[in-house]
Protein backbone atom coordinates (compact mmCIF):
# COMPACT_ATOMS: atom_id res chain seq x y z
CA MET A 1 106.09 105.26 106.86
CA THR A 2 103.56 102.46 106.34
CA ASN A 3 99.94 103.79 106.51
CA LEU A 4 101.16 107.33 107.07
CA ALA A 5 100.15 109.93 104.53
CA ILE A 6 102.35 112.61 106.11
CA ALA A 7 105.23 112.41 108.57
CA ALA A 8 107.33 115.31 109.78
CA ASN A 9 110.15 115.12 112.30
CA GLY A 10 112.03 118.23 113.39
CA LEU A 11 110.55 120.54 110.76
CA ARG A 12 112.22 123.96 110.93
CA LYS A 13 111.86 127.16 108.93
CA SER A 14 113.17 130.67 109.50
CA TYR A 15 112.98 133.86 107.54
CA GLY A 16 116.01 135.87 108.57
CA ASP A 17 115.92 136.18 112.35
CA LYS A 18 112.25 135.14 112.48
CA VAL A 19 111.76 131.49 113.43
CA VAL A 20 108.47 130.40 111.92
CA LEU A 21 108.59 126.62 112.59
CA ASP A 22 110.77 125.43 115.40
CA GLY A 23 111.10 121.62 115.40
CA VAL A 24 107.59 120.53 114.43
CA ASP A 25 106.75 116.80 114.72
CA LEU A 26 103.52 115.40 113.35
CA THR A 27 102.07 112.29 111.72
CA VAL A 28 98.91 111.95 109.63
CA PRO A 29 97.50 108.44 108.96
CA GLU A 30 96.10 107.68 105.53
CA GLY A 31 92.36 108.31 105.00
CA THR A 32 91.95 110.74 107.89
CA VAL A 33 91.41 114.42 108.49
CA PHE A 34 94.22 116.14 110.33
CA SER A 35 93.62 119.70 111.46
CA LEU A 36 96.33 122.22 112.31
CA LEU A 37 95.06 124.98 114.56
CA GLY A 38 96.85 128.11 115.68
CA PRO A 39 96.58 131.88 115.94
CA ASN A 40 97.45 134.08 112.99
CA GLY A 41 101.20 134.05 112.39
CA ALA A 42 101.65 130.71 114.20
CA GLY A 43 103.14 129.08 111.09
CA LYS A 44 100.18 127.08 109.73
CA THR A 45 100.39 128.28 106.13
CA THR A 46 104.17 127.91 106.13
CA ALA A 47 103.79 124.30 107.20
CA VAL A 48 101.33 123.68 104.34
CA LYS A 49 103.64 125.38 101.79
CA ILE A 50 106.58 123.21 102.90
CA LEU A 51 104.69 119.93 102.96
CA SER A 52 103.19 120.69 99.52
CA THR A 53 106.68 121.45 98.07
CA LEU A 54 105.97 125.17 97.52
CA VAL A 55 108.66 126.26 100.01
CA SER A 56 111.77 124.42 101.16
CA ALA A 57 112.38 123.55 104.79
CA ASP A 58 115.56 124.54 106.63
CA ALA A 59 115.65 121.19 108.42
CA GLY A 60 113.59 118.12 109.13
CA ASP A 61 112.84 114.59 107.94
CA LEU A 62 109.70 115.01 105.88
CA TYR A 63 107.67 112.35 104.07
CA VAL A 64 104.49 112.92 102.09
CA GLY A 65 102.67 110.07 100.33
CA GLY A 66 105.54 107.77 101.29
CA HIS A 67 108.08 109.94 99.45
CA ASP A 68 111.01 111.82 100.90
CA LEU A 69 110.13 115.46 100.37
CA ALA A 70 113.73 116.54 99.82
CA ALA A 71 114.73 113.64 97.56
CA ALA A 72 111.55 113.15 95.49
CA PRO A 73 109.54 116.40 95.34
CA GLN A 74 108.08 115.49 91.93
CA ALA A 75 106.68 112.22 93.35
CA VAL A 76 105.15 114.20 96.21
CA ARG A 77 103.54 116.67 93.80
CA ALA A 78 102.00 113.80 91.86
CA ALA A 79 100.32 112.51 95.06
CA ILE A 80 98.92 115.76 96.43
CA GLY A 81 96.46 118.54 95.73
CA VAL A 82 96.43 121.99 97.32
CA THR A 83 93.61 124.46 97.87
CA GLY A 84 95.03 127.64 99.37
CA GLN A 85 93.43 130.46 101.34
CA PHE A 86 92.89 132.42 98.15
CA SER A 87 90.97 131.00 95.25
CA ALA A 88 92.92 129.76 92.23
CA VAL A 89 89.80 130.07 90.06
CA ASP A 90 90.12 132.32 86.98
CA GLY A 91 87.02 134.51 87.04
CA LEU A 92 87.34 135.52 83.36
CA ILE A 93 86.54 132.00 82.07
CA THR A 94 83.73 129.59 82.83
CA GLY A 95 83.74 126.97 85.53
CA GLU A 96 83.97 124.26 82.93
CA GLU A 97 86.93 126.02 81.22
CA ASN A 98 88.71 126.28 84.58
CA MET A 99 88.31 122.50 84.97
CA LEU A 100 89.49 121.72 81.44
CA LEU A 101 92.52 123.99 81.92
CA MET A 102 93.42 122.02 85.03
CA ALA A 103 93.00 118.78 83.08
CA ASP A 104 95.46 120.08 80.46
CA LEU A 105 97.95 120.92 83.22
CA HIS A 106 97.70 117.33 84.42
CA HIS A 107 98.36 116.12 80.83
CA LEU A 108 95.05 114.32 80.54
CA SER A 109 93.84 113.50 77.03
CA ARG A 110 91.09 115.67 75.65
CA ARG A 111 88.57 112.87 76.06
CA GLU A 112 89.69 112.00 79.58
CA GLY A 113 89.75 115.67 80.59
CA ARG A 114 86.17 116.16 79.47
CA ARG A 115 85.07 113.00 81.29
CA VAL A 116 86.73 113.99 84.58
CA THR A 117 85.44 117.56 84.25
CA ALA A 118 81.88 116.39 83.73
CA GLU A 119 82.05 114.00 86.67
CA LEU A 120 83.49 116.59 89.06
CA LEU A 121 81.06 119.34 88.01
CA GLU A 122 78.19 116.99 88.73
CA ARG A 123 79.71 115.81 92.01
CA PHE A 124 80.13 119.38 93.25
CA ASP A 125 76.69 120.50 92.02
CA LEU A 126 78.13 122.95 89.47
CA VAL A 127 76.54 121.63 86.25
CA ALA A 128 73.98 124.42 85.98
CA ALA A 129 76.68 127.06 86.36
CA ALA A 130 79.37 125.28 84.28
CA LYS A 131 78.97 127.56 81.21
CA LYS A 132 78.88 130.79 83.23
CA PRO A 133 81.96 132.94 84.01
CA ALA A 134 83.42 131.96 87.38
CA SER A 135 83.32 135.66 88.36
CA THR A 136 79.53 135.29 88.67
CA TYR A 137 79.83 132.47 91.24
CA SER A 138 79.03 132.94 94.91
CA GLY A 139 81.80 132.43 97.48
CA GLY A 140 80.60 128.90 98.22
CA MET A 141 80.45 127.99 94.52
CA ARG A 142 83.99 129.30 93.90
CA ARG A 143 85.33 127.18 96.81
CA ARG A 144 83.54 124.09 95.46
CA LEU A 145 85.04 124.77 92.05
CA ASP A 146 88.44 125.31 93.67
CA ILE A 147 88.32 121.87 95.32
CA ALA A 148 86.93 120.24 92.15
CA MET A 149 89.95 121.64 90.26
CA THR A 150 92.24 120.22 92.94
CA LEU A 151 90.71 116.75 92.41
CA VAL A 152 91.32 116.67 88.65
CA GLY A 153 94.62 114.88 89.20
CA SER A 154 93.05 112.33 91.62
CA PRO A 155 95.36 113.26 94.54
CA ARG A 156 95.61 110.87 97.49
CA ILE A 157 96.41 113.75 99.86
CA ILE A 158 94.78 117.16 99.85
CA PHE A 159 95.96 120.26 101.70
CA LEU A 160 93.11 122.64 102.50
CA ASP A 161 94.41 125.93 103.88
CA GLU A 162 91.44 127.66 105.61
CA PRO A 163 89.02 126.46 102.90
CA THR A 164 85.84 127.95 104.46
CA THR A 165 87.11 131.40 105.45
CA GLY A 166 84.52 134.00 104.47
CA LEU A 167 81.79 131.49 103.64
CA ASP A 168 78.28 131.75 105.07
CA PRO A 169 77.18 128.98 107.50
CA ARG A 170 75.22 127.07 104.84
CA SER A 171 78.20 127.04 102.41
CA ARG A 172 80.51 126.05 105.26
CA HIS A 173 78.35 123.04 106.12
CA THR A 174 78.26 122.06 102.44
CA MET A 175 82.06 122.17 102.37
CA TRP A 176 82.20 120.01 105.51
CA GLN A 177 80.10 117.36 103.76
CA ILE A 178 82.41 117.44 100.72
CA ILE A 179 85.43 116.92 102.99
CA ARG A 180 83.74 113.99 104.72
CA GLU A 181 82.94 112.39 101.36
CA LEU A 182 86.53 112.81 100.20
CA VAL A 183 87.82 110.99 103.29
CA THR A 184 85.22 108.25 102.89
CA GLY A 185 86.72 107.77 99.41
CA GLY A 186 90.17 107.20 100.93
CA VAL A 187 91.62 110.68 100.54
CA THR A 188 93.74 112.17 103.35
CA VAL A 189 92.94 115.76 104.23
CA PHE A 190 95.41 118.11 105.93
CA LEU A 191 93.23 121.02 107.08
CA THR A 192 94.14 124.37 108.56
CA THR A 193 91.28 126.42 109.87
CA GLN A 194 90.45 129.40 112.04
CA TYR A 195 87.04 127.90 112.96
CA LEU A 196 87.39 125.69 116.00
CA GLU A 197 83.96 124.18 115.40
CA GLU A 198 85.22 123.04 111.99
CA ALA A 199 88.15 121.13 113.52
CA ASP A 200 85.85 119.63 116.13
CA GLU A 201 83.40 118.46 113.45
CA LEU A 202 85.88 117.10 110.93
CA ALA A 203 89.25 116.20 112.36
CA ASP A 204 90.31 112.75 113.48
CA ARG A 205 93.34 114.37 115.11
CA ILE A 206 94.18 117.99 115.87
CA ALA A 207 97.50 119.69 116.50
CA VAL A 208 97.74 123.14 118.05
CA LEU A 209 100.60 125.26 116.72
CA ASN A 210 101.79 128.25 118.75
CA ASP A 211 104.97 130.30 118.20
CA GLY A 212 106.22 127.72 115.70
CA ARG A 213 105.84 124.73 118.02
CA ILE A 214 103.23 122.02 118.44
CA VAL A 215 101.95 122.62 121.95
CA ALA A 216 99.42 119.76 121.96
CA GLN A 217 98.23 117.05 119.65
CA GLY A 218 95.45 114.46 119.93
CA THR A 219 91.80 113.86 119.26
CA ALA A 220 89.34 116.66 120.05
CA GLU A 221 88.26 114.80 123.20
CA GLU A 222 91.85 114.30 124.37
CA LEU A 223 92.57 118.02 123.93
CA LYS A 224 89.41 119.02 125.81
CA ARG A 225 90.54 116.96 128.77
CA LEU A 226 93.72 119.07 129.02
CA VAL A 227 91.74 122.10 130.17
CA PRO A 228 90.15 122.35 133.63
CA GLY A 229 86.52 123.33 134.06
CA GLY A 230 84.71 120.11 133.22
CA HIS A 231 82.01 119.11 135.69
CA VAL A 232 78.88 117.09 136.35
CA ARG A 233 75.83 119.00 137.45
CA LEU A 234 73.10 117.29 139.50
CA ARG A 235 69.71 118.85 140.15
CA PHE A 236 67.16 117.68 142.70
CA ALA A 237 63.46 118.37 143.28
CA ASP A 238 63.52 117.09 146.86
CA PRO A 239 65.52 119.28 149.30
CA ALA A 240 66.22 116.26 151.52
CA ALA A 241 67.70 114.29 148.59
CA TYR A 242 69.77 117.37 147.70
CA ARG A 243 71.22 117.61 151.22
CA SER A 244 71.93 113.90 151.38
CA ALA A 245 73.71 113.99 148.04
CA ALA A 246 75.84 116.93 149.16
CA LEU A 247 77.01 114.82 152.13
CA ALA A 248 77.57 111.69 150.05
CA LEU A 249 79.67 113.33 147.36
CA GLU A 250 83.08 114.90 147.73
CA GLU A 251 84.36 118.20 146.35
CA VAL A 252 80.93 119.54 145.49
CA THR A 253 79.91 123.14 144.86
CA ARG A 254 76.43 123.73 146.20
CA ASP A 255 73.64 125.94 144.91
CA ASP A 256 71.04 125.81 147.68
CA GLU A 257 68.53 127.98 145.79
CA ALA A 258 68.55 125.82 142.64
CA LEU A 259 69.07 122.57 144.59
CA SER A 260 71.97 121.70 142.37
CA LEU A 261 75.43 120.29 142.93
CA GLN A 262 78.48 120.67 140.74
CA ILE A 263 81.25 118.03 140.85
CA PRO A 264 84.55 118.46 138.99
CA SER A 265 84.89 115.87 136.23
CA ASP A 266 86.82 115.22 133.01
CA GLY A 267 83.60 113.91 131.46
CA SER A 268 84.90 110.32 131.21
CA GLN A 269 82.61 107.31 131.69
CA ARG A 270 84.75 106.22 134.60
CA GLU A 271 84.23 109.45 136.57
CA LEU A 272 80.53 109.58 135.71
CA ARG A 273 80.09 105.99 136.88
CA SER A 274 81.86 106.86 140.12
CA VAL A 275 79.42 109.68 140.86
CA LEU A 276 76.38 107.48 140.09
CA ASP A 277 77.75 104.60 142.18
CA ARG A 278 78.17 106.91 145.20
CA LEU A 279 74.58 108.13 144.78
CA ASP A 280 73.29 104.55 144.45
CA SER A 281 75.16 103.47 147.57
CA ALA A 282 73.43 106.25 149.52
CA GLY A 283 70.04 105.44 148.00
CA ILE A 284 69.81 108.81 146.25
CA GLU A 285 68.50 109.56 142.76
CA ALA A 286 69.08 112.86 141.03
CA ASP A 287 66.24 114.33 138.97
CA GLU A 288 68.60 115.72 136.36
CA LEU A 289 72.19 115.03 135.43
CA THR A 290 74.21 117.01 132.89
CA VAL A 291 77.85 116.71 131.90
CA HIS A 292 79.77 119.88 130.98
CA THR A 293 83.15 119.65 129.24
CA PRO A 294 85.42 122.39 127.90
CA ASP A 295 85.06 123.00 124.16
CA LEU A 296 87.86 123.63 121.68
CA ASP A 297 87.58 127.40 122.23
CA ASP A 298 88.66 126.79 125.83
CA VAL A 299 91.45 124.53 124.65
CA PHE A 300 92.64 127.00 122.02
CA PHE A 301 92.81 129.96 124.41
CA ALA A 302 94.48 127.92 127.13
CA LEU A 303 97.09 126.46 124.80
CA THR A 304 97.92 129.65 122.93
CA GLY A 305 97.55 132.06 125.86
CA GLY A 306 100.64 130.91 127.75
CA ALA A 307 101.83 127.68 129.30
CA SER A 308 101.09 128.98 132.80
CA THR A 309 97.35 128.57 132.10
CA LEU A 310 97.72 124.82 131.45
CA PRO A 311 97.27 122.01 133.97
CA ASN A 312 99.87 119.27 134.17
CA GLN A 313 99.59 117.50 130.81
CA PRO A 314 99.69 113.71 130.50
CA LYS A 315 102.40 112.94 127.93
CA GLU A 316 100.28 110.44 126.01
CA ALA A 317 97.68 113.15 125.32
CA VAL A 318 100.03 115.77 123.99
CA ARG A 319 102.46 113.86 121.78
């Protein structure tokens, strides 16, 4: 388990006849952002609850923070922090009082609790609102306070279960910056999200969960290459150059009116270099070249819409 913040092998969970997690395998290196994607009901929140010791698994070898989840749940709890879908902030007391309450729960001394509270309120830009009831906070402020409360115990691993749901775009981007800063400081973040752009922006690795199983896992770029539709588009100002290029290149789709050619491509440097080499060999220069690759939306719908929509998947990209 060296250098792994989280490792799960064969994670299973059922509620009655309903299988929620059906043999999930995943690994999360320390100091990275790992994002778990999936449609509603796929089992994302259940996975978070199990790995954060809130719910017991039916089966599986599970390690969090280097500790066996089944044998040492208290050690796991000491290493983690959890921010769920729904805010844990108490709206009847001030932001500062919420922080001090959390410090008490972590058995910090009064002096240490006040020091940590002051530092985190400043770090999350909540000093001006610290003495105000949390019920007066905006959605973005409440989420910042939520994460600040999670950090009181200095966790090495943080589970963020859809942390930006319901936030406006500005607040969402602020939250992204906070997550990046946490990882820069050595914290590991396990993120579930319904925003594919969020996973693309933040995650070092992404796993797609569907019907209780991991259907693909890899970097955002690796996942995008699983889905067909990527291509290189060449545009020409000279009709003669356009016709010559159409003859020099294979498997092209022509647009005679726009003088453009479309060549299937996975967007890799190797394939792009191949296209350019063939043009150079024929003494042809395109006036414009653009590379189009599928985005995570395409990946998500392909992976969760049925295996029949997927191309043959290279094993090393979907482990």
